[in-house]
Amino acid sequence: MKYFDYAASCPLDQEAAEVYVKAASTYYGNSSSLHDVGDQANELLEYSRAQFARFFDVSKDGVFFTSGGSEGNFLAIQTLLTSNVKKGKHIITGMAEHSSVLNSMEKLRQAGWDITMLPFSPDGRIDVGGFRDAVREDTVLASIQHANPEIGTLQPIEEVGQICRENGILFHSDCVQSFGKVDLTTVAHSVDALTISSHKFYGPKGVGAVYLNPALRWDPYVPGTTHEGGFRPGTVNVPGIVAMSAAAEKAVIGLDVYSEHYRELRKEFLNSLDPIQEKCIIYEADLPSTIGIRVAGLEGQLIMNEANLRGFAISTGSACQVSMQTPSKTMVALGVEGKAAKEFTRITLGRETEGEDVRQLGDALVKIVRENL
């Protein structure tokens, strides 16, 4: 099986796996325990915290570890709402946010919050002017995803962050899809909180991190929480965090090399689709590893199933919505409606992907389209 679903999850990097085993078997103490074994685990934990602070160019006092992106998004949003920077019950977010953010917003809506959900412009981005127009006196929080997981566009986080600062609005960004693919230092300086997830950049599953501006005063979401400075309850997953740190360092160091690799593969793949070019809509991407396609008249589910039978693992969008067989949130945010919104297919590239792989996938998609249209 040729794998083209790296935006859903990546294989564990071998070096990160070795780090995990070493930490789990040698530095197995609870990092909160007040003995030497616990101290050794805590030293590893704090080393990893300092590493992520360096990746973001922020204070390590603002770095907290979580069980992944979904929990990180939920806790970041809920924690920001306890800071009481200003009074109000209005939040701005995007229509194409990850389900963990949208579900959090629905929970807040049920609790009496007013939520404004912004669509995309035709270029797949939040319109900065539209965001400014959505701001109200009682707007207290905004949550805008940095990288769209389906078409690979990057949102104007710096510009939105400036509007938030001017209006006293706290700003969270889901950076799960962008960490390890682009430099996040500017983003980290533009937000009050951001979220990342280990398995999106070749680290282990079940671990992630949140940056929360240490200048803010906030209350633990779960009262009485002591782990991670009160940000998250539960014994800290030190081996997973250390392995994530190793994977993150490799991703950050290799940013330019990997990006060039993806650009070359993307170009080769799109060239292979020339025979069906007139039937395809290819979405432009800031992340070259993400390729979003619509084939007029063919549901993405059919293309995905046919590709799977031919030995290619592709997707119809974000893994958190695929099982529901609902239209792509990105297509809906772009104003694509009805059957057309279900025509979307996503292909994402990884470090292991080679030129021959994308050529074979392209040939397979050409045959699938010709056989079904």
Protein backbone atom coordinates (compact mmCIF):
# COMPACT_ATOMS: atom_id res chain seq x y z
CA MET A 1 0.00 0.00 0.00
CA LYS A 2 1.34 3.43 -1.02
CA TYR A 3 0.50 5.95 1.71
CA PHE A 4 -0.70 9.46 0.83
CA ASP A 5 -2.49 10.49 4.03
CA TYR A 6 0.30 12.11 6.06
CA ALA A 7 -1.95 14.99 7.14
CA ALA A 8 -4.00 12.41 9.06
CA SER A 9 -1.00 10.77 10.72
CA CYS A 10 2.70 10.09 10.14
CA PRO A 11 4.72 6.97 10.94
CA LEU A 12 6.85 7.24 14.05
CA ASP A 13 10.38 8.42 13.29
CA GLN A 14 12.88 5.68 14.14
CA GLU A 15 15.13 7.96 16.19
CA ALA A 16 12.12 9.27 18.11
CA ALA A 17 11.04 5.68 18.75
CA GLU A 18 14.46 4.85 20.20
CA VAL A 19 14.28 7.94 22.42
CA TYR A 20 10.85 6.85 23.64
CA VAL A 21 12.02 3.36 24.59
CA LYS A 22 15.09 4.74 26.36
CA ALA A 23 13.05 7.25 28.36
CA ALA A 24 10.30 4.77 29.20
CA SER A 25 12.67 2.04 30.35
CA THR A 26 15.34 4.14 32.08
CA TYR A 27 13.69 7.40 33.19
CA TYR A 28 10.35 5.92 34.18
CA GLY A 29 9.67 7.92 37.33
CA ASN A 30 6.70 10.21 37.81
CA SER A 31 8.04 13.69 37.09
CA SER A 32 6.11 15.02 40.10
CA SER A 33 7.65 12.55 42.57
CA LEU A 34 10.04 14.08 45.11
CA HIS A 35 12.83 11.54 44.84
CA ASP A 36 15.83 11.09 42.56
CA VAL A 37 14.03 8.87 40.05
CA GLY A 38 11.27 11.46 39.77
CA ASP A 39 13.86 14.23 39.49
CA GLN A 40 15.51 12.48 36.53
CA ALA A 41 12.17 12.30 34.71
CA ASN A 42 11.46 15.93 35.55
CA GLU A 43 14.82 17.00 34.13
CA LEU A 44 13.91 15.37 30.82
CA LEU A 45 10.49 17.00 30.92
CA GLU A 46 11.92 20.47 31.51
CA TYR A 47 14.56 19.95 28.83
CA SER A 48 11.77 19.19 26.35
CA ARG A 49 9.81 22.24 27.52
CA ALA A 50 12.85 24.43 26.86
CA GLN A 51 13.23 22.82 23.42
CA PHE A 52 9.70 23.77 22.37
CA ALA A 53 10.13 27.25 23.81
CA ARG A 54 13.16 27.57 21.51
CA PHE A 55 11.20 26.30 18.49
CA PHE A 56 8.53 28.97 19.13
CA ASP A 57 10.96 31.64 20.39
CA VAL A 58 8.89 32.09 23.57
CA SER A 59 9.33 31.68 27.33
CA LYS A 60 9.26 28.06 28.51
CA ASP A 61 6.85 29.18 31.25
CA GLY A 62 4.17 29.21 28.57
CA VAL A 63 4.72 25.67 27.22
CA PHE A 64 2.38 22.92 28.44
CA PHE A 65 2.16 19.31 27.32
CA THR A 66 -1.11 17.57 26.44
CA SER A 67 -2.42 14.30 25.02
CA GLY A 68 -2.65 15.74 21.52
CA GLY A 69 -4.24 18.36 19.30
CA SER A 70 -7.89 17.85 20.19
CA GLU A 71 -7.35 18.10 23.94
CA GLY A 72 -4.90 20.95 23.38
CA ASN A 73 -7.42 22.95 21.37
CA PHE A 74 -10.16 22.39 23.94
CA LEU A 75 -7.99 23.29 26.94
CA ALA A 76 -6.42 26.31 25.22
CA ILE A 77 -9.84 27.77 24.41
CA GLN A 78 -11.35 27.03 27.80
CA THR A 79 -8.29 28.32 29.66
CA LEU A 80 -8.18 31.58 27.70
CA LEU A 81 -11.82 32.17 28.61
CA THR A 82 -10.91 32.11 32.32
CA SER A 83 -8.43 34.97 31.98
CA ASN A 84 -11.15 37.67 32.04
CA VAL A 85 -9.16 40.17 29.98
CA LYS A 86 -12.46 41.85 29.06
CA LYS A 87 -16.16 41.20 29.57
CA GLY A 88 -18.23 39.71 26.80
CA LYS A 89 -19.81 36.55 25.41
CA HIS A 90 -18.82 36.72 21.73
CA ILE A 91 -16.25 34.51 19.95
CA ILE A 92 -15.03 34.53 16.33
CA THR A 93 -13.86 31.37 14.60
CA GLY A 94 -13.72 29.86 11.11
CA MET A 95 -16.18 27.57 9.37
CA ALA A 96 -13.42 25.11 8.40
CA GLU A 97 -11.82 24.67 11.83
CA HIS A 98 -10.89 21.23 13.15
CA SER A 99 -13.79 19.36 14.73
CA SER A 100 -12.21 19.74 18.19
CA VAL A 101 -12.54 23.52 17.85
CA LEU A 102 -16.00 23.43 16.26
CA ASN A 103 -17.26 21.01 18.91
CA SER A 104 -15.84 23.28 21.63
CA MET A 105 -17.64 26.20 20.04
CA GLU A 106 -20.92 24.27 19.96
CA LYS A 107 -20.51 23.47 23.65
CA LEU A 108 -19.93 27.16 24.36
CA ARG A 109 -22.93 28.11 22.23
CA GLN A 110 -25.10 25.81 24.32
CA ALA A 111 -23.75 27.58 27.42
CA GLY A 112 -24.90 30.95 26.11
CA TRP A 113 -21.95 32.21 24.08
CA ASP A 114 -22.50 33.91 20.72
CA ILE A 115 -20.29 32.38 18.03
CA THR A 116 -19.52 34.00 14.66
CA MET A 117 -18.17 31.56 12.06
CA LEU A 118 -16.30 33.07 9.12
CA PRO A 119 -16.23 31.56 5.61
CA PHE A 120 -13.24 31.47 3.29
CA SER A 121 -12.53 33.83 0.45
CA PRO A 122 -12.12 32.13 -2.96
CA ASP A 123 -8.39 31.79 -2.22
CA GLY A 124 -9.11 29.52 0.76
CA ARG A 125 -8.29 32.06 3.45
CA ILE A 126 -10.13 34.06 6.08
CA ASP A 127 -10.71 37.57 4.77
CA VAL A 128 -8.98 40.02 7.11
CA GLY A 129 -11.55 42.71 6.38
CA GLY A 130 -14.32 40.25 7.12
CA PHE A 131 -12.69 39.36 10.41
CA ARG A 132 -12.44 43.04 11.34
CA ASP A 133 -16.11 43.54 10.48
CA ALA A 134 -17.07 40.62 12.73
CA VAL A 135 -15.41 42.19 15.79
CA ARG A 136 -17.84 43.56 18.38
CA GLU A 137 -17.47 45.34 21.69
CA ASP A 138 -18.20 42.08 23.48
CA THR A 139 -15.77 39.93 21.40
CA VAL A 140 -13.42 38.27 23.87
CA LEU A 141 -11.82 35.42 21.88
CA ALA A 142 -10.90 34.37 18.36
CA SER A 143 -9.73 30.92 17.24
CA ILE A 144 -8.39 30.62 13.69
CA GLN A 145 -6.56 27.56 12.38
CA HIS A 146 -3.12 28.34 10.93
CA ALA A 147 -2.95 25.72 8.15
CA ASN A 148 -6.00 24.25 6.48
CA PRO A 149 -5.65 20.45 6.54
CA GLU A 150 -7.51 19.87 3.28
CA ILE A 151 -6.12 22.37 0.78
CA GLY A 152 -2.99 23.53 2.62
CA THR A 153 -3.60 27.28 2.74
CA LEU A 154 -2.09 29.35 5.56
CA GLN A 155 -4.28 31.89 7.30
CA PRO A 156 -3.20 35.54 7.86
CA ILE A 157 -2.45 34.98 11.54
CA GLU A 158 -0.21 38.01 11.94
CA GLU A 159 -2.84 40.41 10.55
CA VAL A 160 -5.66 38.83 12.56
CA GLY A 161 -3.46 38.94 15.65
CA GLN A 162 -2.94 42.67 15.21
CA ILE A 163 -6.70 43.25 15.04
CA CYS A 164 -7.13 41.18 18.18
CA ARG A 165 -4.50 43.18 20.06
CA GLU A 166 -6.12 46.46 19.00
CA ASN A 167 -9.46 45.29 20.39
CA GLY A 168 -8.39 43.42 23.52
CA ILE A 169 -9.36 40.03 22.05
CA LEU A 170 -7.54 36.87 23.06
CA PHE A 171 -6.35 34.84 20.08
CA HIS A 172 -5.84 31.07 19.73
CA SER A 173 -4.53 29.27 16.65
CA ASP A 174 -4.65 25.54 15.91
CA CYS A 175 -1.17 24.93 14.44
CA VAL A 176 -1.43 21.14 14.33
CA GLN A 177 -1.04 21.00 10.55
CA SER A 178 1.67 23.64 10.23
CA PHE A 179 4.24 22.79 12.91
CA GLY A 180 7.16 20.98 11.30
CA LYS A 181 6.22 22.37 7.87
CA VAL A 182 6.74 26.12 8.40
CA ASP A 183 8.51 28.32 10.95
CA LEU A 184 6.02 29.22 13.70
CA THR A 185 7.96 31.93 15.53
CA THR A 186 5.99 34.78 13.93
CA VAL A 187 2.74 32.96 14.62
CA ALA A 188 3.69 32.37 18.26
CA HIS A 189 4.36 36.10 18.67
CA SER A 190 0.96 36.93 17.14
CA VAL A 191 -1.27 34.75 19.34
CA ASP A 192 -2.10 34.17 22.97
CA ALA A 193 -2.21 30.41 22.53
CA LEU A 194 -1.35 27.80 19.92
CA THR A 195 -1.69 24.04 19.69
CA ILE A 196 0.45 21.29 18.09
CA SER A 197 0.21 17.49 17.89
CA SER A 198 3.14 15.06 17.85
CA HIS A 199 1.97 12.47 15.32
CA LYS A 200 1.61 15.10 12.60
CA PHE A 201 5.41 15.50 12.49
CA TYR A 202 6.59 11.91 13.00
CA GLY A 203 6.35 11.83 16.79
CA PRO A 204 4.28 9.35 18.84
CA LYS A 205 0.50 9.52 19.06
CA GLY A 206 -1.16 10.63 22.27
CA VAL A 207 1.04 13.64 22.99
CA GLY A 208 1.04 17.32 22.01
CA ALA A 209 1.79 20.78 23.30
CA VAL A 210 0.13 24.14 23.88
CA TYR A 211 1.80 27.51 24.11
CA LEU A 212 -0.11 29.87 26.39
CA ASN A 213 1.08 33.45 26.84
CA PRO A 214 2.63 33.44 30.35
CA ALA A 215 1.67 37.10 30.81
CA LEU A 216 -1.97 36.03 31.12
CA ARG A 217 -3.58 35.15 34.43
CA TRP A 218 -5.82 32.10 34.15
CA ASP A 219 -7.52 29.43 36.23
CA PRO A 220 -7.22 25.64 35.75
CA TYR A 221 -10.11 24.24 33.72
CA VAL A 222 -10.26 21.33 36.19
CA PRO A 223 -10.13 22.78 39.74
CA GLY A 224 -7.34 21.44 41.90
CA THR A 225 -5.15 20.41 38.95
CA THR A 226 -1.45 20.42 39.81
CA HIS A 227 0.23 18.75 36.83
CA GLU A 228 1.59 21.04 34.11
CA GLY A 229 1.16 24.09 36.30
CA GLY A 230 -2.57 23.44 36.57
CA PHE A 231 -3.12 23.37 32.80
CA ARG A 232 -3.88 19.66 32.50
CA PRO A 233 -4.61 16.89 35.05
CA GLY A 234 -3.00 13.47 34.90
CA THR A 235 0.47 11.97 35.12
CA VAL A 236 2.73 13.58 32.53
CA ASN A 237 3.74 11.34 29.59
CA VAL A 238 7.48 12.02 29.82
CA PRO A 239 8.62 9.35 27.30
CA GLY A 240 6.10 10.57 24.73
CA ILE A 241 7.10 14.20 25.30
CA VAL A 242 10.81 13.48 24.96
CA ALA A 243 10.19 11.48 21.76
CA MET A 244 8.01 14.29 20.43
CA SER A 245 10.82 16.73 21.18
CA ALA A 246 13.26 14.58 19.19
CA ALA A 247 10.86 14.38 16.25
CA ALA A 248 10.21 18.13 16.42
CA GLU A 249 13.91 18.97 16.33
CA LYS A 250 14.38 16.82 13.24
CA ALA A 251 11.38 18.48 11.56
CA VAL A 252 12.53 22.02 12.37
CA ILE A 253 16.10 21.42 11.24
CA GLY A 254 14.91 19.87 7.97
CA LEU A 255 12.22 22.43 7.11
CA ASP A 256 13.85 23.72 3.92
CA VAL A 257 14.95 20.31 2.67
CA TYR A 258 11.56 18.69 3.23
CA SER A 259 9.68 21.63 1.69
CA GLU A 260 11.74 21.41 -1.50
CA HIS A 261 11.13 17.65 -1.58
CA TYR A 262 7.36 18.24 -1.41
CA ARG A 263 7.42 20.97 -4.06
CA GLU A 264 9.16 18.66 -6.52
CA LEU A 265 6.76 15.79 -5.78
CA ARG A 266 3.72 18.06 -6.08
CA LYS A 267 4.84 19.31 -9.48
CA GLU A 268 5.47 15.77 -10.71
CA PHE A 269 2.12 14.54 -9.43
CA LEU A 270 0.15 17.37 -11.02
CA ASN A 271 1.95 16.78 -14.32
CA SER A 272 0.76 13.17 -14.19
CA LEU A 273 -2.85 14.41 -14.11
CA ASP A 274 -2.56 16.23 -17.47
CA PRO A 275 -4.80 13.69 -19.29
CA ILE A 276 -7.74 14.61 -17.01
CA GLN A 277 -6.77 18.21 -16.32
CA GLU A 278 -10.01 19.63 -17.75
CA LYS A 279 -12.04 17.53 -15.29
CA CYS A 280 -10.07 18.58 -12.18
CA ILE A 281 -10.02 21.59 -9.91
CA ILE A 282 -6.66 21.75 -8.14
CA TYR A 283 -6.56 24.00 -5.09
CA GLU A 284 -3.52 26.21 -4.59
CA ALA A 285 -1.60 25.51 -1.39
CA ASP A 286 0.94 27.25 0.80
CA LEU A 287 1.94 23.82 2.11
CA PRO A 288 3.24 21.89 -0.93
CA SER A 289 2.72 18.57 0.85
CA THR A 290 -1.08 19.04 0.76
CA ILE A 291 -2.90 18.59 -2.54
CA GLY A 292 -6.65 19.19 -2.65
CA ILE A 293 -8.56 18.08 -5.77
CA ARG A 294 -12.14 18.09 -6.97
CA VAL A 295 -13.19 15.93 -9.91
CA ALA A 296 -16.45 17.21 -11.37
CA GLY A 297 -19.10 14.51 -11.27
CA LEU A 298 -17.25 12.03 -9.04
CA GLU A 299 -17.62 11.82 -5.27
CA GLY A 300 -14.39 11.81 -3.34
CA GLN A 301 -15.58 8.71 -1.50
CA LEU A 302 -15.69 6.76 -4.75
CA ILE A 303 -12.23 7.93 -5.79
CA MET A 304 -10.83 7.08 -2.36
CA ASN A 305 -12.33 3.58 -2.43
CA GLU A 306 -11.12 2.91 -5.97
CA ALA A 307 -7.65 4.16 -5.08
CA ASN A 308 -7.60 1.92 -2.03
CA LEU A 309 -8.44 -1.13 -4.18
CA ARG A 310 -5.46 -0.23 -6.35
CA GLY A 311 -3.12 0.03 -3.37
CA PHE A 312 -3.13 3.78 -2.65
CA ALA A 313 -4.21 5.29 0.66
CA ILE A 314 -5.71 8.75 0.07
CA SER A 315 -8.45 10.70 1.84
CA THR A 316 -11.62 12.71 1.31
CA GLY A 317 -10.52 15.31 3.86
CA SER A 318 -9.83 15.67 7.57
CA ALA A 319 -9.68 12.25 9.25
CA CYS A 320 -12.02 13.48 12.01
CA GLN A 321 -14.89 13.91 9.52
CA VAL A 322 -14.25 11.22 6.90
CA SER A 323 -16.05 8.46 8.82
CA MET A 324 -19.17 10.65 8.90
CA GLN A 325 -19.16 10.94 5.06
CA THR A 326 -20.15 14.59 5.38
CA PRO A 327 -19.10 17.24 2.85
CA SER A 328 -15.65 18.70 3.32
CA LYS A 329 -15.77 21.61 5.78
CA THR A 330 -13.31 23.43 3.57
CA MET A 331 -15.56 23.10 0.54
CA VAL A 332 -18.51 24.40 2.55
CA ALA A 333 -16.39 27.32 3.80
CA LEU A 334 -15.49 28.06 0.16
CA GLY A 335 -19.18 28.17 -0.76
CA VAL A 336 -19.18 24.86 -2.62
CA GLU A 337 -22.57 23.28 -2.02
CA GLY A 338 -24.56 20.11 -2.61
CA LYS A 339 -23.01 17.19 -4.46
CA ALA A 340 -20.05 19.30 -5.50
CA ALA A 341 -18.98 19.61 -1.86
CA LYS A 342 -18.58 15.81 -1.74
CA GLU A 343 -16.31 15.69 -4.80
CA PHE A 344 -13.24 16.61 -2.77
CA THR A 345 -10.19 14.35 -2.47
CA ARG A 346 -7.04 15.04 -0.44
CA ILE A 347 -3.56 13.71 -1.12
CA THR A 348 -0.77 14.49 1.34
CA LEU A 349 2.91 13.74 0.87
CA GLY A 350 5.53 12.57 3.36
CA ARG A 351 9.27 12.30 3.68
CA GLU A 352 9.16 8.72 2.44
CA THR A 353 7.17 9.58 -0.70
CA GLU A 354 9.16 9.22 -3.92
CA GLY A 355 8.71 10.40 -7.47
CA GLU A 356 7.69 6.97 -8.73
CA ASP A 357 5.02 6.83 -6.01
CA VAL A 358 3.31 10.02 -7.16
CA ARG A 359 3.58 9.02 -10.82
CA GLN A 360 1.87 5.70 -10.06
CA LEU A 361 -0.85 7.45 -8.06
CA GLY A 362 -1.40 9.95 -10.87
CA ASP A 363 -1.75 7.15 -13.43
CA ALA A 364 -4.21 5.36 -11.13
CA LEU A 365 -6.36 8.48 -10.70
CA VAL A 366 -6.43 9.04 -14.45
CA LYS A 367 -7.74 5.48 -14.93
CA ILE A 368 -10.30 5.88 -12.11
CA VAL A 369 -11.68 9.09 -13.60
CA ARG A 370 -11.84 7.69 -17.13
CA GLU A 371 -13.56 4.51 -15.96
CA ASN A 372 -16.21 6.33 -13.92
CA LEU A 373 -17.06 9.36 -16.04
